Amino acid sequence: MFRCDLCKKVSEPGDRPTMIVTEKREKEYSNRSKKGKEIISKGWEIVEEKKCCSFCGEANELAKEEK
C-alpha cells in the first residue's frame, strides 16, 4: 500500500506504484578506458520522482503524448 503523491488517495493492498520523474538534471560521468585514457560521457540523473496510482500514471502519460 502507498499514498499517491498526485491525488493523495491510498492504494489497494498489493498495488504497485507508477513512478513519475518530475525533475532531472544533466550529469557528466567520467570513466577510464583499459588504456588509462579518461572518457567523459553525458547523461541524465533523476533528482525527484513521485509515486502515483495507475489512474494518475495513465493520465500523466496521456498528457505527455498530447504535447
Protein backbone atom coordinates (compact mmCIF):
# COMPACT_ATOMS: atom_id res chain seq x y z
CA MET A 1 0.00 0.00 0.00
CA PHE A 2 1.09 3.54 -0.69
CA ARG A 3 -0.37 7.03 -0.94
CA CYS A 4 -0.47 8.62 -4.38
CA ASP A 5 1.62 11.81 -4.41
CA LEU A 6 -0.70 13.41 -7.00
CA CYS A 7 -4.27 12.63 -5.88
CA LYS A 8 -3.40 11.71 -2.23
CA LYS A 9 -5.55 8.54 -2.28
CA VAL A 10 -4.39 5.36 -0.53
CA SER A 11 -3.93 2.42 -2.89
CA GLU A 12 -5.33 -1.06 -2.54
CA PRO A 13 -3.14 -3.70 -0.88
CA GLY A 14 -0.85 -5.33 -3.46
CA ASP A 15 -1.00 -2.45 -5.97
CA ARG A 16 2.36 -1.31 -7.29
CA PRO A 17 3.12 2.40 -7.67
CA THR A 18 3.86 4.02 -11.01
CA MET A 19 6.96 6.20 -10.70
CA ILE A 20 6.86 9.58 -12.50
CA VAL A 21 10.07 11.59 -12.93
CA THR A 22 9.29 15.20 -12.03
CA GLU A 23 12.80 16.66 -12.15
CA LYS A 24 16.06 15.60 -13.77
CA ARG A 25 19.44 17.20 -14.40
CA GLU A 26 22.29 16.71 -16.82
CA LYS A 27 25.32 14.91 -15.44
CA GLU A 28 28.81 14.11 -16.69
CA TYR A 29 30.20 10.67 -15.97
CA SER A 30 33.94 10.06 -16.14
CA ASN A 31 35.43 6.61 -16.67
CA ARG A 32 38.83 5.23 -17.54
CA SER A 33 39.41 3.02 -20.55
CA LYS A 34 41.61 -0.08 -20.40
CA LYS A 35 44.48 2.01 -21.76
CA GLY A 36 44.08 4.56 -18.95
CA LYS A 37 42.54 7.30 -21.06
CA GLU A 38 39.77 9.29 -19.35
CA ILE A 39 36.39 9.06 -21.06
CA ILE A 40 33.67 11.60 -20.25
CA SER A 41 30.09 10.81 -21.19
CA LYS A 42 26.96 12.88 -20.62
CA GLY A 43 23.63 11.62 -19.36
CA TRP A 44 20.68 12.42 -17.13
CA GLU A 45 20.25 11.93 -13.40
CA ILE A 46 16.87 11.73 -11.63
CA VAL A 47 16.53 14.43 -8.98
CA GLU A 48 12.93 13.81 -7.93
CA GLU A 49 10.30 11.20 -8.72
CA LYS A 50 6.80 10.67 -7.35
CA LYS A 51 4.78 7.55 -6.58
CA CYS A 52 1.36 7.60 -8.15
CA CYS A 53 -1.59 5.29 -8.64
CA SER A 54 -2.22 3.65 -12.00
CA PHE A 55 -5.01 6.12 -12.86
CA CYS A 56 -2.76 9.17 -12.32
CA GLY A 57 0.11 7.42 -14.13
CA GLU A 58 -2.04 6.80 -17.21
CA ALA A 59 -3.32 10.39 -17.14
CA ASN A 60 0.27 11.65 -16.98
CA GLU A 61 1.29 9.50 -20.00
CA LEU A 62 -1.69 10.78 -22.00
CA ALA A 63 -0.78 14.38 -21.14
CA LYS A 64 2.79 13.79 -22.38
CA GLU A 65 1.52 12.36 -25.69
CA GLU A 66 -0.71 15.38 -26.34
CA LYS A 67 2.20 17.84 -26.07
